[in-house]
Amino acid sequence: MPIANPAQLVDAFKKSGEFDRLRRELLSEFQQGNGVDINEFKSKIESYIKNRLVSDEKLKYLPQETVQRELMLEVDRYPTVERAATDMAVFSDPTFLSNIQTIANRLLLEDRGLKPVESPMHPDSIAASSIRPTPIGTPSAHDRVEYERRASPVSATFEGRPSTVPSSNRKAGDKVVVEDGKVNAIATPLPENEVSMPTTGGENKVLNGAGGSDTA
């Protein structure tokens, strides 16, 4: 059955073995006192157990399994365990959180028959957790932006319209023809004995072989 809700994702997480591995790591962190005063924690738990054994002598005559269950219930009456777990520094470590997110992403992709994208970065790095696997056949962000730009009616109008500004490379003697609101420059070559020379006033002067000149 495909993963369709958080509960199914949790079940897949447990079946993959990642849950047991994570539990072992957290227990190791807790025993090392990562963010928790482990000696104070142990002393509180021992005091709860001793007080219960002293106050309820009938526990001495009950089966061991029953005694353990009763003592566990006694410890659960106090928020000591819950507070100690909440105070663990690992739960605020971005690397720890990113690893869980990476595992969840991998499980979702494998459930859909897709292969996770291998990151060139270290899997425990924070940056690696920000990389989201892209399903096969999904266009990139650049391709989507380019497609939307070309599909825009405004963009298509301006890209398909010829320029109405005469070219700055027009030479003297070129004719400018206006057709349907469009300006087209049609080059007309000068005779062989005439040369176009620019003047200081910005006009073009045509010199012919006879020494005469015409200003355009």
Protein backbone atom coordinates (compact mmCIF):
# COMPACT_ATOMS: atom_id res chain seq x y z
CA MET A 1 0.00 0.00 0.00
CA PRO A 2 1.47 3.39 -0.97
CA ILE A 3 2.33 5.83 1.81
CA ALA A 4 -0.56 8.30 1.93
CA ASN A 5 -0.50 9.71 5.48
CA PRO A 6 1.92 10.34 8.37
CA ALA A 7 0.86 7.17 10.21
CA GLN A 8 1.88 5.01 7.24
CA LEU A 9 5.18 6.89 7.00
CA VAL A 10 5.87 6.12 10.68
CA ASP A 11 5.13 2.43 10.05
CA ALA A 12 7.51 2.42 7.08
CA PHE A 13 10.12 4.14 9.26
CA LYS A 14 9.85 1.38 11.86
CA LYS A 15 9.89 -1.45 9.32
CA SER A 16 13.03 -0.07 7.67
CA GLY A 17 14.99 -0.56 10.90
CA GLU A 18 15.74 3.15 11.19
CA PHE A 19 13.54 3.48 14.28
CA ASP A 20 15.54 0.89 16.25
CA ARG A 21 18.82 2.44 15.13
CA LEU A 22 17.58 5.88 16.17
CA ARG A 23 16.44 4.58 19.55
CA ARG A 24 19.86 3.06 20.23
CA GLU A 25 21.60 6.31 19.32
CA LEU A 26 19.31 8.34 21.58
CA LEU A 27 19.87 5.95 24.48
CA SER A 28 23.62 6.26 24.01
CA GLU A 29 23.36 10.05 23.93
CA PHE A 30 21.23 10.01 27.07
CA GLN A 31 23.63 7.76 28.98
CA GLN A 32 26.48 10.10 28.09
CA GLY A 33 24.53 12.95 29.69
CA ASN A 34 24.18 14.99 26.52
CA GLY A 35 22.32 18.03 27.88
CA VAL A 36 21.11 16.09 30.95
CA ASP A 37 22.58 15.68 34.44
CA ILE A 38 22.54 11.89 34.37
CA ASN A 39 23.59 11.51 38.03
CA GLU A 40 20.73 13.68 39.24
CA PHE A 41 18.35 11.79 36.98
CA LYS A 42 19.41 8.41 38.41
CA SER A 43 19.13 9.59 41.99
CA LYS A 44 15.56 10.78 41.43
CA ILE A 45 14.49 7.48 39.85
CA GLU A 46 16.06 5.50 42.69
CA SER A 47 14.26 7.60 45.27
CA TYR A 48 10.89 6.95 43.59
CA ILE A 49 11.51 3.20 43.59
CA LYS A 50 12.74 3.04 47.20
CA ASN A 51 9.82 5.06 48.49
CA ARG A 52 7.35 2.78 46.74
CA LEU A 53 9.00 -0.39 48.07
CA VAL A 54 8.97 0.99 51.61
CA SER A 55 5.39 2.21 51.47
CA ASP A 56 3.99 -0.94 49.86
CA GLU A 57 5.43 -4.04 51.53
CA LYS A 58 3.16 -6.42 49.65
CA LEU A 59 5.31 -5.91 46.58
CA LYS A 60 7.83 -8.24 48.17
CA TYR A 61 5.47 -11.16 47.71
CA LEU A 62 4.40 -10.47 44.16
CA PRO A 63 5.99 -11.99 41.01
CA GLN A 64 8.98 -10.11 39.65
CA GLU A 65 7.19 -9.09 36.46
CA THR A 66 4.36 -7.57 38.48
CA VAL A 67 6.79 -5.69 40.71
CA GLN A 68 8.62 -4.25 37.71
CA ARG A 69 5.36 -3.14 36.14
CA GLU A 70 4.24 -1.44 39.35
CA LEU A 71 7.55 0.33 39.77
CA MET A 72 7.46 1.56 36.16
CA LEU A 73 4.00 2.98 36.75
CA GLU A 74 5.32 4.68 39.87
CA VAL A 75 8.14 6.33 37.93
CA ASP A 76 5.72 7.44 35.20
CA ARG A 77 3.73 9.37 37.79
CA TYR A 78 6.52 11.94 37.84
CA PRO A 79 7.61 14.09 34.86
CA THR A 80 11.28 13.34 35.49
CA VAL A 81 11.79 11.03 32.51
CA GLU A 82 9.82 13.23 30.11
CA ARG A 83 11.70 16.36 31.15
CA ALA A 84 15.07 14.64 30.85
CA ALA A 85 14.24 13.47 27.33
CA THR A 86 13.03 16.93 26.34
CA ASP A 87 16.19 18.57 27.66
CA MET A 88 18.48 16.42 25.53
CA ALA A 89 20.61 18.65 23.31
CA VAL A 90 20.37 16.28 20.35
CA PHE A 91 16.74 17.23 19.71
CA SER A 92 17.80 20.79 18.87
CA ASP A 93 20.74 19.70 16.71
CA PRO A 94 20.06 20.63 13.04
CA THR A 95 22.17 17.69 11.86
CA PHE A 96 20.05 15.20 13.80
CA LEU A 97 16.83 16.69 12.44
CA SER A 98 18.13 16.81 8.86
CA ASN A 99 19.08 13.12 9.01
CA ILE A 100 15.52 12.18 9.97
CA GLN A 101 14.16 14.32 7.14
CA THR A 102 16.55 12.70 4.66
CA ILE A 103 15.44 9.21 5.74
CA ALA A 104 11.76 10.18 5.40
CA ASN A 105 12.36 11.57 1.90
CA ARG A 106 14.16 8.38 0.88
CA LEU A 107 11.32 6.19 2.13
CA LEU A 108 8.74 8.27 0.24
CA LEU A 109 10.72 8.10 -3.00
CA GLU A 110 11.36 4.37 -2.72
CA ASP A 111 7.65 3.84 -2.02
CA ARG A 112 6.91 5.49 -5.39
CA GLY A 113 9.57 3.55 -7.25
CA LEU A 114 11.92 6.54 -7.59
CA LYS A 115 15.62 6.60 -6.88
CA PRO A 116 16.82 9.23 -4.39
CA VAL A 117 19.23 11.83 -5.79
CA GLU A 118 22.71 11.35 -4.41
CA SER A 119 24.02 14.52 -2.79
CA PRO A 120 27.69 15.46 -3.33
CA MET A 121 27.73 16.80 0.22
CA HIS A 122 28.17 14.82 3.39
CA PRO A 123 24.85 13.22 4.33
CA ASP A 124 25.10 14.62 7.86
CA SER A 125 25.51 18.21 6.69
CA ILE A 126 22.73 20.72 7.15
CA ALA A 127 22.94 21.76 3.51
CA ALA A 128 22.36 18.20 2.36
CA SER A 129 18.96 18.15 4.04
CA SER A 130 17.81 21.13 1.97
CA ILE A 131 18.23 19.19 -1.29
CA ARG A 132 14.94 17.73 -2.41
CA PRO A 133 15.00 14.79 -4.83
CA THR A 134 13.42 15.70 -8.16
CA PRO A 135 11.17 13.00 -9.66
CA ILE A 136 12.05 11.77 -13.13
CA GLY A 137 10.46 13.85 -15.88
CA THR A 138 9.92 16.94 -13.72
CA PRO A 139 11.18 20.12 -15.48
CA SER A 140 13.76 22.21 -13.74
CA ALA A 141 12.99 25.65 -12.33
CA HIS A 142 14.82 27.31 -15.25
CA ASP A 143 12.80 25.34 -17.80
CA ARG A 144 9.52 26.27 -16.12
CA VAL A 145 10.39 29.98 -16.05
CA GLU A 146 11.45 29.92 -19.70
CA TYR A 147 8.27 28.10 -20.71
CA GLU A 148 6.07 30.61 -18.86
CA ARG A 149 7.95 33.53 -20.42
CA ARG A 150 7.48 32.22 -23.95
CA ALA A 151 3.86 31.35 -23.28
CA SER A 152 3.12 34.90 -22.16
CA PRO A 153 1.10 36.82 -24.84
CA VAL A 154 3.08 40.00 -24.13
CA SER A 155 6.40 38.25 -24.61
CA ALA A 156 5.23 36.56 -27.82
CA THR A 157 4.03 39.91 -29.26
CA PHE A 158 7.31 41.68 -28.69
CA GLU A 159 9.48 38.76 -29.79
CA GLY A 160 7.56 38.33 -33.06
CA ARG A 161 7.41 42.05 -33.92
CA PRO A 162 10.17 43.40 -36.17
CA SER A 163 12.08 46.41 -34.98
CA THR A 164 10.64 49.78 -36.10
CA VAL A 165 13.91 51.57 -35.44
CA PRO A 166 16.23 51.98 -38.41
CA SER A 167 19.58 50.31 -38.04
CA SER A 168 22.41 52.52 -36.83
CA ASN A 169 24.59 50.88 -39.49
CA ARG A 170 22.61 52.44 -42.36
CA LYS A 171 24.77 54.05 -44.96
CA ALA A 172 24.18 57.16 -47.00
CA GLY A 173 21.89 56.48 -49.89
CA ASP A 174 19.76 53.94 -47.98
CA LYS A 175 16.06 54.44 -48.40
CA VAL A 176 13.59 54.24 -45.54
CA VAL A 177 10.23 52.76 -46.46
CA VAL A 178 7.25 52.66 -44.11
CA GLU A 179 4.99 49.68 -44.70
CA ASP A 180 2.07 48.82 -42.42
CA GLY A 181 3.50 50.92 -39.63
CA LYS A 182 6.92 49.24 -39.91
CA VAL A 183 10.11 51.04 -40.83
CA ASN A 184 12.32 49.10 -43.20
CA ALA A 185 15.73 50.27 -44.37
CA ILE A 186 16.53 49.34 -47.98
CA ALA A 187 20.18 49.81 -48.88
CA THR A 188 20.81 51.60 -52.15
CA PRO A 189 24.46 51.35 -53.25
CA LEU A 190 26.19 54.57 -54.38
CA PRO A 191 27.73 54.87 -57.81
CA GLU A 192 31.32 53.77 -58.09
CA ASN A 193 32.61 57.37 -58.41
CA GLU A 194 30.81 58.62 -55.30
CA VAL A 195 31.84 58.33 -51.65
CA SER A 196 29.76 59.07 -48.54
CA MET A 197 31.53 61.26 -45.93
CA PRO A 198 30.03 62.38 -42.58
CA THR A 199 30.07 66.11 -41.81
CA THR A 200 30.39 67.93 -38.50
CA GLY A 201 26.67 68.65 -38.51
CA GLY A 202 25.79 64.96 -38.52
CA GLU A 203 24.76 64.94 -42.20
CA ASN A 204 26.19 62.72 -44.91
CA LYS A 205 28.03 64.38 -47.79
CA VAL A 206 28.39 62.49 -51.06
CA LEU A 207 31.51 63.32 -53.05
CA ASN A 208 31.68 62.42 -56.72
CA GLY A 209 34.64 62.07 -58.98
CA ALA A 210 33.98 65.47 -60.54
CA GLY A 211 34.66 67.22 -57.24
CA GLY A 212 31.04 68.11 -56.65
CA SER A 213 29.15 67.26 -53.49
CA ASP A 214 25.59 66.60 -52.43
CA THR A 215 24.40 66.76 -48.85
CA ALA A 216 21.93 64.10 -47.72
